[in-house]
Amino acid sequence: MRLVEDNPLPTTVVAPQWRVIELITVAQVQLLADDRSGAAQSLDTAIQEAAVQRLPHQLRRIVRTSGTRLPAQHAAASQSLDQIRSEMAA
């Protein structure tokens, strides 16, 4: 949790999907530390970025991470995932 709180500034530029992966991983740590508010905030940002970047795998990770502990994030990620699926089917 200390590493999450003392997040250093990035020294390199990475692909945008890695930012989403980082946010989900941070949320998992926050949930383990029982910081639901911080986890919800991290996942909200991850959902927005994953939807814009069209990253269904990361949206599935968010669904699994949020589970029953963060129902609003679970629902938002599921909705974004359904939207991407329907667009791909069209």
PDB file of N, CA and C in Angstrom:
ATOM      1  N   MET A   1       0.832  -1.182   0.000  1.00  0.00           N
ATOM      2  CA  MET A   1       0.000   0.000   0.000  1.00  0.00           C
ATOM      3  C   MET A   1       0.879   1.248   0.000  1.00  0.00           C
ATOM      4  N   ARG A   2       2.016   1.168   0.653  1.00  0.00           N
ATOM      5  CA  ARG A   2       2.924   2.314   0.686  1.00  0.00           C
ATOM      6  C   ARG A   2       3.380   2.676  -0.725  1.00  0.00           C
ATOM      7  N   LEU A   3       3.664   1.672  -1.554  1.00  0.00           N
ATOM      8  CA  LEU A   3       4.079   1.942  -2.926  1.00  0.00           C
ATOM      9  C   LEU A   3       2.970   2.606  -3.723  1.00  0.00           C
ATOM     10  N   VAL A   4       1.738   2.211  -3.477  1.00  0.00           N
ATOM     11  CA  VAL A   4       0.603   2.822  -4.173  1.00  0.00           C
ATOM     12  C   VAL A   4       0.461   4.282  -3.760  1.00  0.00           C
ATOM     13  N   GLU A   5       0.590   4.550  -2.463  1.00  0.00           N
ATOM     14  CA  GLU A   5       0.426   5.916  -1.957  1.00  0.00           C
ATOM     15  C   GLU A   5       1.567   6.826  -2.381  1.00  0.00           C
ATOM     16  N   ASP A   6       2.769   6.275  -2.494  1.00  0.00           N
ATOM     17  CA  ASP A   6       3.942   7.064  -2.865  1.00  0.00           C
ATOM     18  C   ASP A   6       4.284   6.885  -4.330  1.00  0.00           C
ATOM     19  N   ASN A   7       3.275   6.815  -5.165  1.00  0.00           N
ATOM     20  CA  ASN A   7       3.443   6.560  -6.586  1.00  0.00           C
ATOM     21  C   ASN A   7       4.401   7.575  -7.207  1.00  0.00           C
ATOM     22  N   PRO A   8       5.591   7.117  -7.635  1.00  0.00           N
ATOM     23  CA  PRO A   8       6.537   8.048  -8.250  1.00  0.00           C
ATOM     24  C   PRO A   8       6.068   8.462  -9.639  1.00  0.00           C
ATOM     25  N   LEU A   9       6.577   9.577 -10.102  1.00  0.00           N
ATOM     26  CA  LEU A   9       6.265  10.024 -11.456  1.00  0.00           C
ATOM     27  C   LEU A   9       6.917   9.078 -12.455  1.00  0.00           C
ATOM     28  N   PRO A  10       6.208   8.770 -13.536  1.00  0.00           N
ATOM     29  CA  PRO A  10       6.794   7.861 -14.528  1.00  0.00           C
ATOM     30  C   PRO A  10       8.032   8.480 -15.162  1.00  0.00           C
ATOM     31  N   THR A  11       9.000   7.624 -15.448  1.00  0.00           N
ATOM     32  CA  THR A  11      10.227   8.095 -16.087  1.00  0.00           C
ATOM     33  C   THR A  11      10.269   7.756 -17.567  1.00  0.00           C
ATOM     34  N   THR A  12       9.322   6.933 -18.015  1.00  0.00           N
ATOM     35  CA  THR A  12       9.258   6.584 -19.426  1.00  0.00           C
ATOM     36  C   THR A  12       7.820   6.687 -19.902  1.00  0.00           C
ATOM     37  N   VAL A  13       7.664   6.762 -21.201  1.00  0.00           N
ATOM     38  CA  VAL A  13       6.336   6.792 -21.799  1.00  0.00           C
ATOM     39  C   VAL A  13       5.977   5.351 -22.168  1.00  0.00           C
ATOM     40  N   VAL A  14       4.780   4.936 -21.782  1.00  0.00           N
ATOM     41  CA  VAL A  14       4.334   3.573 -22.087  1.00  0.00           C
ATOM     42  C   VAL A  14       3.061   3.635 -22.919  1.00  0.00           C
ATOM     43  N   ALA A  15       2.726   2.510 -23.498  1.00  0.00           N
ATOM     44  CA  ALA A  15       1.496   2.422 -24.284  1.00  0.00           C
ATOM     45  C   ALA A  15       0.292   2.691 -23.381  1.00  0.00           C
ATOM     46  N   PRO A  16      -0.743   3.340 -23.903  1.00  0.00           N
ATOM     47  CA  PRO A  16      -1.896   3.727 -23.076  1.00  0.00           C
ATOM     48  C   PRO A  16      -2.560   2.572 -22.341  1.00  0.00           C
ATOM     49  N   GLN A  17      -2.573   1.382 -22.922  1.00  0.00           N
ATOM     50  CA  GLN A  17      -3.229   0.267 -22.235  1.00  0.00           C
ATOM     51  C   GLN A  17      -2.514  -0.099 -20.935  1.00  0.00           C
ATOM     52  N   TRP A  18      -1.232   0.211 -20.830  1.00  0.00           N
ATOM     53  CA  TRP A  18      -0.512  -0.080 -19.591  1.00  0.00           C
ATOM     54  C   TRP A  18      -0.990   0.796 -18.452  1.00  0.00           C
ATOM     55  N   ARG A  19      -1.472   1.984 -18.765  1.00  0.00           N
ATOM     56  CA  ARG A  19      -2.052   2.855 -17.728  1.00  0.00           C
ATOM     57  C   ARG A  19      -3.302   2.197 -17.150  1.00  0.00           C
ATOM     58  N   VAL A  20      -4.118   1.607 -17.996  1.00  0.00           N
ATOM     59  CA  VAL A  20      -5.324   0.911 -17.540  1.00  0.00           C
ATOM     60  C   VAL A  20      -4.934  -0.286 -16.674  1.00  0.00           C
ATOM     61  N   ILE A  21      -3.954  -1.044 -17.120  1.00  0.00           N
ATOM     62  CA  ILE A  21      -3.484  -2.198 -16.347  1.00  0.00           C
ATOM     63  C   ILE A  21      -2.990  -1.746 -14.981  1.00  0.00           C
ATOM     64  N   GLU A  22      -2.255  -0.653 -14.959  1.00  0.00           N
ATOM     65  CA  GLU A  22      -1.751  -0.114 -13.685  1.00  0.00           C
ATOM     66  C   GLU A  22      -2.906   0.276 -12.758  1.00  0.00           C
ATOM     67  N   LEU A  23      -3.896   0.953 -13.282  1.00  0.00           N
ATOM     68  CA  LEU A  23      -5.031   1.390 -12.463  1.00  0.00           C
ATOM     69  C   LEU A  23      -5.771   0.199 -11.851  1.00  0.00           C
ATOM     70  N   ILE A  24      -5.944  -0.863 -12.620  1.00  0.00           N
ATOM     71  CA  ILE A  24      -6.628  -2.048 -12.102  1.00  0.00           C
ATOM     72  C   ILE A  24      -5.791  -2.717 -11.018  1.00  0.00           C
ATOM     73  N   THR A  25      -4.499  -2.805 -11.241  1.00  0.00           N
ATOM     74  CA  THR A  25      -3.612  -3.408 -10.247  1.00  0.00           C
ATOM     75  C   THR A  25      -3.606  -2.590  -8.965  1.00  0.00           C
ATOM     76  N   VAL A  26      -3.563  -1.280  -9.089  1.00  0.00           N
ATOM     77  CA  VAL A  26      -3.624  -0.401  -7.916  1.00  0.00           C
ATOM     78  C   VAL A  26      -4.940  -0.621  -7.174  1.00  0.00           C
ATOM     79  N   ALA A  27      -6.030  -0.735  -7.910  1.00  0.00           N
ATOM     80  CA  ALA A  27      -7.335  -0.970  -7.275  1.00  0.00           C
ATOM     81  C   ALA A  27      -7.345  -2.294  -6.515  1.00  0.00           C
ATOM     82  N   GLN A  28      -6.712  -3.307  -7.067  1.00  0.00           N
ATOM     83  CA  GLN A  28      -6.643  -4.600  -6.369  1.00  0.00           C
ATOM     84  C   GLN A  28      -5.904  -4.457  -5.041  1.00  0.00           C
ATOM     85  N   VAL A  29      -4.805  -3.714  -5.038  1.00  0.00           N
ATOM     86  CA  VAL A  29      -4.055  -3.471  -3.805  1.00  0.00           C
ATOM     87  C   VAL A  29      -4.908  -2.676  -2.826  1.00  0.00           C
ATOM     88  N   GLN A  30      -5.594  -1.670  -3.324  1.00  0.00           N
ATOM     89  CA  GLN A  30      -6.440  -0.852  -2.456  1.00  0.00           C
ATOM     90  C   GLN A  30      -7.543  -1.687  -1.826  1.00  0.00           C
ATOM     91  N   LEU A  31      -8.129  -2.593  -2.577  1.00  0.00           N
ATOM     92  CA  LEU A  31      -9.156  -3.467  -2.015  1.00  0.00           C
ATOM     93  C   LEU A  31      -8.583  -4.384  -0.944  1.00  0.00           C
ATOM     94  N   LEU A  32      -7.383  -4.896  -1.170  1.00  0.00           N
ATOM     95  CA  LEU A  32      -6.736  -5.734  -0.165  1.00  0.00           C
ATOM     96  C   LEU A  32      -6.488  -4.953   1.131  1.00  0.00           C
ATOM     97  N   ALA A  33      -6.252  -3.648   0.996  1.00  0.00           N
ATOM     98  CA  ALA A  33      -6.033  -2.781   2.159  1.00  0.00           C
ATOM     99  C   ALA A  33      -7.352  -2.212   2.683  1.00  0.00           C
ATOM    100  N   ASP A  34      -8.475  -2.679   2.143  1.00  0.00           N
ATOM    101  CA  ASP A  34      -9.820  -2.239   2.521  1.00  0.00           C
ATOM    102  C   ASP A  34     -10.056  -0.751   2.255  1.00  0.00           C
ATOM    103  N   ASP A  35      -9.431  -0.239   1.191  1.00  0.00           N
ATOM    104  CA  ASP A  35      -9.638   1.149   0.772  1.00  0.00           C
ATOM    105  C   ASP A  35     -10.604   1.136  -0.412  1.00  0.00           C
ATOM    106  N   ARG A  36     -11.877   0.957  -0.110  1.00  0.00           N
ATOM    107  CA  ARG A  36     -12.878   0.857  -1.182  1.00  0.00           C
ATOM    108  C   ARG A  36     -13.039   2.151  -1.958  1.00  0.00           C
ATOM    109  N   SER A  37     -12.927   3.264  -1.276  1.00  0.00           N
ATOM    110  CA  SER A  37     -13.066   4.553  -1.945  1.00  0.00           C
ATOM    111  C   SER A  37     -11.952   4.760  -2.972  1.00  0.00           C
ATOM    112  N   GLY A  38     -10.728   4.483  -2.563  1.00  0.00           N
ATOM    113  CA  GLY A  38      -9.601   4.612  -3.486  1.00  0.00           C
ATOM    114  C   GLY A  38      -9.705   3.636  -4.636  1.00  0.00           C
ATOM    115  N   ALA A  39     -10.115   2.403  -4.328  1.00  0.00           N
ATOM    116  CA  ALA A  39     -10.271   1.383  -5.373  1.00  0.00           C
ATOM    117  C   ALA A  39     -11.355   1.795  -6.360  1.00  0.00           C
ATOM    118  N   ALA A  40     -12.449   2.325  -5.847  1.00  0.00           N
ATOM    119  CA  ALA A  40     -13.537   2.763  -6.734  1.00  0.00           C
ATOM    120  C   ALA A  40     -13.060   3.873  -7.660  1.00  0.00           C
ATOM    121  N   GLN A  41     -12.300   4.791  -7.121  1.00  0.00           N
ATOM    122  CA  GLN A  41     -11.785   5.899  -7.931  1.00  0.00           C
ATOM    123  C   GLN A  41     -10.830   5.375  -9.012  1.00  0.00           C
ATOM    124  N   SER A  42      -9.938   4.469  -8.643  1.00  0.00           N
ATOM    125  CA  SER A  42      -9.006   3.892  -9.621  1.00  0.00           C
ATOM    126  C   SER A  42      -9.767   3.148 -10.719  1.00  0.00           C
ATOM    127  N   LEU A  43     -10.772   2.369 -10.317  1.00  0.00           N
ATOM    128  CA  LEU A  43     -11.531   1.604 -11.311  1.00  0.00           C
ATOM    129  C   LEU A  43     -12.395   2.497 -12.184  1.00  0.00           C
ATOM    130  N   ASP A  44     -12.940   3.577 -11.630  1.00  0.00           N
ATOM    131  CA  ASP A  44     -13.720   4.512 -12.456  1.00  0.00           C
ATOM    132  C   ASP A  44     -12.861   5.060 -13.592  1.00  0.00           C
ATOM    133  N   THR A  45     -11.640   5.446 -13.258  1.00  0.00           N
ATOM    134  CA  THR A  45     -10.728   5.962 -14.278  1.00  0.00           C
ATOM    135  C   THR A  45     -10.363   4.863 -15.267  1.00  0.00           C
ATOM    136  N   ALA A  46     -10.105   3.666 -14.764  1.00  0.00           N
ATOM    137  CA  ALA A  46      -9.758   2.535 -15.632  1.00  0.00           C
ATOM    138  C   ALA A  46     -10.899   2.207 -16.592  1.00  0.00           C
ATOM    139  N   ILE A  47     -12.130   2.250 -16.097  1.00  0.00           N
ATOM    140  CA  ILE A  47     -13.293   1.964 -16.950  1.00  0.00           C
ATOM    141  C   ILE A  47     -13.378   2.971 -18.085  1.00  0.00           C
ATOM    142  N   GLN A  48     -13.239   4.231 -17.759  1.00  0.00           N
ATOM    143  CA  GLN A  48     -13.315   5.276 -18.784  1.00  0.00           C
ATOM    144  C   GLN A  48     -12.236   5.078 -19.841  1.00  0.00           C
ATOM    145  N   GLU A  49     -11.001   4.848 -19.400  1.00  0.00           N
ATOM    146  CA  GLU A  49      -9.903   4.697 -20.343  1.00  0.00           C
ATOM    147  C   GLU A  49     -10.018   3.395 -21.151  1.00  0.00           C
ATOM    148  N   ALA A  50     -10.443   2.316 -20.506  1.00  0.00           N
ATOM    149  CA  ALA A  50     -10.589   1.045 -21.211  1.00  0.00           C
ATOM    150  C   ALA A  50     -11.686   1.130 -22.263  1.00  0.00           C
ATOM    151  N   ALA A  51     -12.756   1.853 -21.962  1.00  0.00           N
ATOM    152  CA  ALA A  51     -13.846   2.006 -22.931  1.00  0.00           C
ATOM    153  C   ALA A  51     -13.381   2.832 -24.132  1.00  0.00           C
ATOM    154  N   VAL A  52     -12.667   3.910 -23.875  1.00  0.00           N
ATOM    155  CA  VAL A  52     -12.177   4.758 -24.963  1.00  0.00           C
ATOM    156  C   VAL A  52     -11.180   3.997 -25.837  1.00  0.00           C
ATOM    157  N   GLN A  53     -10.314   3.225 -25.198  1.00  0.00           N
ATOM    158  CA  GLN A  53      -9.288   2.489 -25.934  1.00  0.00           C
ATOM    159  C   GLN A  53      -9.786   1.143 -26.461  1.00  0.00           C
ATOM    160  N   ARG A  54     -11.028   0.810 -26.114  1.00  0.00           N
ATOM    161  CA  ARG A  54     -11.650  -0.435 -26.555  1.00  0.00           C
ATOM    162  C   ARG A  54     -10.805  -1.640 -26.138  1.00  0.00           C
ATOM    163  N   LEU A  55     -10.716  -1.820 -24.812  1.00  0.00           N
ATOM    164  CA  LEU A  55      -9.919  -2.891 -24.228  1.00  0.00           C
ATOM    165  C   LEU A  55     -10.828  -3.854 -23.465  1.00  0.00           C
ATOM    166  N   PRO A  56     -11.489  -4.777 -24.180  1.00  0.00           N
ATOM    167  CA  PRO A  56     -12.442  -5.664 -23.510  1.00  0.00           C
ATOM    168  C   PRO A  56     -11.797  -6.555 -22.440  1.00  0.00           C
ATOM    169  N   HIS A  57     -10.567  -6.974 -22.664  1.00  0.00           N
ATOM    170  CA  HIS A  57      -9.915  -7.832 -21.666  1.00  0.00           C
ATOM    171  C   HIS A  57      -9.754  -7.085 -20.340  1.00  0.00           C
ATOM    172  N   GLN A  58      -9.403  -5.811 -20.421  1.00  0.00           N
ATOM    173  CA  GLN A  58      -9.236  -5.032 -19.189  1.00  0.00           C
ATOM    174  C   GLN A  58     -10.587  -4.743 -18.529  1.00  0.00           C
ATOM    175  N   LEU A  59     -11.618  -4.575 -19.318  1.00  0.00           N
ATOM    176  CA  LEU A  59     -12.954  -4.411 -18.741  1.00  0.00           C
ATOM    177  C   LEU A  59     -13.376  -5.684 -17.996  1.00  0.00           C
ATOM    178  N   ARG A  60     -13.028  -6.843 -18.551  1.00  0.00           N
ATOM    179  CA  ARG A  60     -13.320  -8.099 -17.838  1.00  0.00           C
ATOM    180  C   ARG A  60     -12.542  -8.176 -16.529  1.00  0.00           C
ATOM    181  N   ARG A  61     -11.301  -7.708 -16.534  1.00  0.00           N
ATOM    182  CA  ARG A  61     -10.514  -7.676 -15.288  1.00  0.00           C
ATOM    183  C   ARG A  61     -11.175  -6.769 -14.256  1.00  0.00           C
ATOM    184  N   ILE A  62     -11.717  -5.663 -14.710  1.00  0.00           N
ATOM    185  CA  ILE A  62     -12.398  -4.742 -13.796  1.00  0.00           C
ATOM    186  C   ILE A  62     -13.637  -5.404 -13.212  1.00  0.00           C
ATOM    187  N   VAL A  63     -14.387  -6.111 -14.042  1.00  0.00           N
ATOM    188  CA  VAL A  63     -15.571  -6.824 -13.562  1.00  0.00           C
ATOM    189  C   VAL A  63     -15.173  -7.813 -12.474  1.00  0.00           C
ATOM    190  N   ARG A  64     -14.117  -8.578 -12.720  1.00  0.00           N
ATOM    191  CA  ARG A  64     -13.663  -9.556 -11.720  1.00  0.00           C
ATOM    192  C   ARG A  64     -13.138  -8.875 -10.462  1.00  0.00           C
ATOM    193  N   THR A  65     -12.398  -7.791 -10.634  1.00  0.00           N
ATOM    194  CA  THR A  65     -11.816  -7.094  -9.489  1.00  0.00           C
ATOM    195  C   THR A  65     -12.885  -6.453  -8.619  1.00  0.00           C
ATOM    196  N   SER A  66     -13.853  -5.812  -9.246  1.00  0.00           N
ATOM    197  CA  SER A  66     -14.886  -5.107  -8.478  1.00  0.00           C
ATOM    198  C   SER A  66     -15.833  -6.071  -7.784  1.00  0.00           C
ATOM    199  N   GLY A  67     -16.160  -7.170  -8.469  1.00  0.00           N
ATOM    200  CA  GLY A  67     -17.015  -8.199  -7.875  1.00  0.00           C
ATOM    201  C   GLY A  67     -18.228  -7.636  -7.166  1.00  0.00           C
ATOM    202  N   THR A  68     -18.496  -8.144  -5.972  1.00  0.00           N
ATOM    203  CA  THR A  68     -19.645  -7.678  -5.191  1.00  0.00           C
ATOM    204  C   THR A  68     -19.272  -6.530  -4.261  1.00  0.00           C
ATOM    205  N   ARG A  69     -17.983  -6.269  -4.125  1.00  0.00           N
ATOM    206  CA  ARG A  69     -17.551  -5.215  -3.192  1.00  0.00           C
ATOM    207  C   ARG A  69     -17.743  -3.813  -3.757  1.00  0.00           C
ATOM    208  N   LEU A  70     -17.699  -3.691  -5.076  1.00  0.00           N
ATOM    209  CA  LEU A  70     -17.890  -2.387  -5.719  1.00  0.00           C
ATOM    210  C   LEU A  70     -18.929  -2.546  -6.836  1.00  0.00           C
ATOM    211  N   PRO A  71     -20.211  -2.635  -6.456  1.00  0.00           N
ATOM    212  CA  PRO A  71     -21.249  -2.926  -7.456  1.00  0.00           C
ATOM    213  C   PRO A  71     -21.400  -1.860  -8.541  1.00  0.00           C
ATOM    214  N   ALA A  72     -21.166  -0.597  -8.221  1.00  0.00           N
ATOM    215  CA  ALA A  72     -21.311   0.451  -9.239  1.00  0.00           C
ATOM    216  C   ALA A  72     -20.245   0.294 -10.322  1.00  0.00           C
ATOM    217  N   GLN A  73     -19.025  -0.010  -9.924  1.00  0.00           N
ATOM    218  CA  GLN A  73     -17.949  -0.202 -10.894  1.00  0.00           C
ATOM    219  C   GLN A  73     -18.162  -1.495 -11.678  1.00  0.00           C
ATOM    220  N   HIS A  74     -18.659  -2.512 -11.006  1.00  0.00           N
ATOM    221  CA  HIS A  74     -18.971  -3.780 -11.673  1.00  0.00           C
ATOM    222  C   HIS A  74     -20.001  -3.531 -12.774  1.00  0.00           C
ATOM    223  N   ALA A  75     -21.047  -2.801 -12.459  1.00  0.00           N
ATOM    224  CA  ALA A  75     -22.104  -2.521 -13.433  1.00  0.00           C
ATOM    225  C   ALA A  75     -21.588  -1.659 -14.583  1.00  0.00           C
ATOM    226  N   ALA A  76     -20.795  -0.642 -14.273  1.00  0.00           N
ATOM    227  CA  ALA A  76     -20.279   0.254 -15.319  1.00  0.00           C
ATOM    228  C   ALA A  76     -19.347  -0.493 -16.267  1.00  0.00           C
ATOM    229  N   ALA A  77     -18.479  -1.340 -15.718  1.00  0.00           N
ATOM    230  CA  ALA A  77     -17.557  -2.107 -16.561  1.00  0.00           C
ATOM    231  C   ALA A  77     -18.334  -3.115 -17.418  1.00  0.00           C
ATOM    232  N   SER A  78     -19.334  -3.749 -16.830  1.00  0.00           N
ATOM    233  CA  SER A  78     -20.156  -4.705 -17.577  1.00  0.00           C
ATOM    234  C   SER A  78     -20.883  -4.012 -18.719  1.00  0.00           C
ATOM    235  N   GLN A  79     -21.409  -2.834 -18.441  1.00  0.00           N
ATOM    236  CA  GLN A  79     -22.125  -2.076 -19.469  1.00  0.00           C
ATOM    237  C   GLN A  79     -21.179  -1.675 -20.605  1.00  0.00           C
ATOM    238  N   SER A  80     -19.989  -1.212 -20.261  1.00  0.00           N
ATOM    239  CA  SER A  80     -19.013  -0.839 -21.300  1.00  0.00           C
ATOM    240  C   SER A  80     -18.596  -2.054 -22.113  1.00  0.00           C
ATOM    241  N   LEU A  81     -18.421  -3.182 -21.449  1.00  0.00           N
ATOM    242  CA  LEU A  81     -18.055  -4.413 -22.137  1.00  0.00           C
ATOM    243  C   LEU A  81     -19.166  -4.861 -23.089  1.00  0.00           C
ATOM    244  N   ASP A  82     -20.408  -4.794 -22.637  1.00  0.00           N
ATOM    245  CA  ASP A  82     -21.543  -5.146 -23.492  1.00  0.00           C
ATOM    246  C   ASP A  82     -21.618  -4.237 -24.711  1.00  0.00           C
ATOM    247  N   GLN A  83     -21.327  -2.954 -24.512  1.00  0.00           N
ATOM    248  CA  GLN A  83     -21.373  -2.005 -25.622  1.00  0.00           C
ATOM    249  C   GLN A  83     -20.304  -2.345 -26.660  1.00  0.00           C
ATOM    250  N   ILE A  84     -19.104  -2.658 -26.196  1.00  0.00           N
ATOM    251  CA  ILE A  84     -18.037  -3.031 -27.133  1.00  0.00           C
ATOM    252  C   ILE A  84     -18.412  -4.307 -27.881  1.00  0.00           C
ATOM    253  N   ARG A  85     -18.962  -5.279 -27.166  1.00  0.00           N
ATOM    254  CA  ARG A  85     -19.365  -6.540 -27.815  1.00  0.00           C
ATOM    255  C   ARG A  85     -20.418  -6.291 -28.890  1.00  0.00           C
ATOM    256  N   SER A  86     -21.403  -5.448 -28.575  1.00  0.00           N
ATOM    257  CA  SER A  86     -22.471  -5.192 -29.562  1.00  0.00           C
ATOM    258  C   SER A  86     -21.934  -4.440 -30.761  1.00  0.00           C
ATOM    259  N   GLU A  87     -21.000  -3.545 -30.556  1.00  0.00           N
ATOM    260  CA  GLU A  87     -20.395  -2.819 -31.676  1.00  0.00           C
ATOM    261  C   GLU A  87     -19.580  -3.759 -32.548  1.00  0.00           C
ATOM    262  N   MET A  88     -18.901  -4.718 -31.926  1.00  0.00           N
ATOM    263  CA  MET A  88     -18.112  -5.670 -32.704  1.00  0.00           C
ATOM    264  C   MET A  88     -18.990  -6.622 -33.489  1.00  0.00           C
ATOM    265  N   ALA A  89     -20.169  -6.911 -32.978  1.00  0.00           N
ATOM    266  CA  ALA A  89     -21.096  -7.834 -33.642  1.00  0.00           C
ATOM    267  C   ALA A  89     -21.814  -7.176 -34.813  1.00  0.00           C
ATOM    268  N   ALA A  90     -21.874  -5.861 -34.793  1.00  0.00           N
ATOM    269  CA  ALA A  90     -22.603  -5.143 -35.837  1.00  0.00           C
ATOM    270  C   ALA A  90     -21.886  -5.132 -37.162  1.00  0.00           C
TER     271      ALA A  90
END
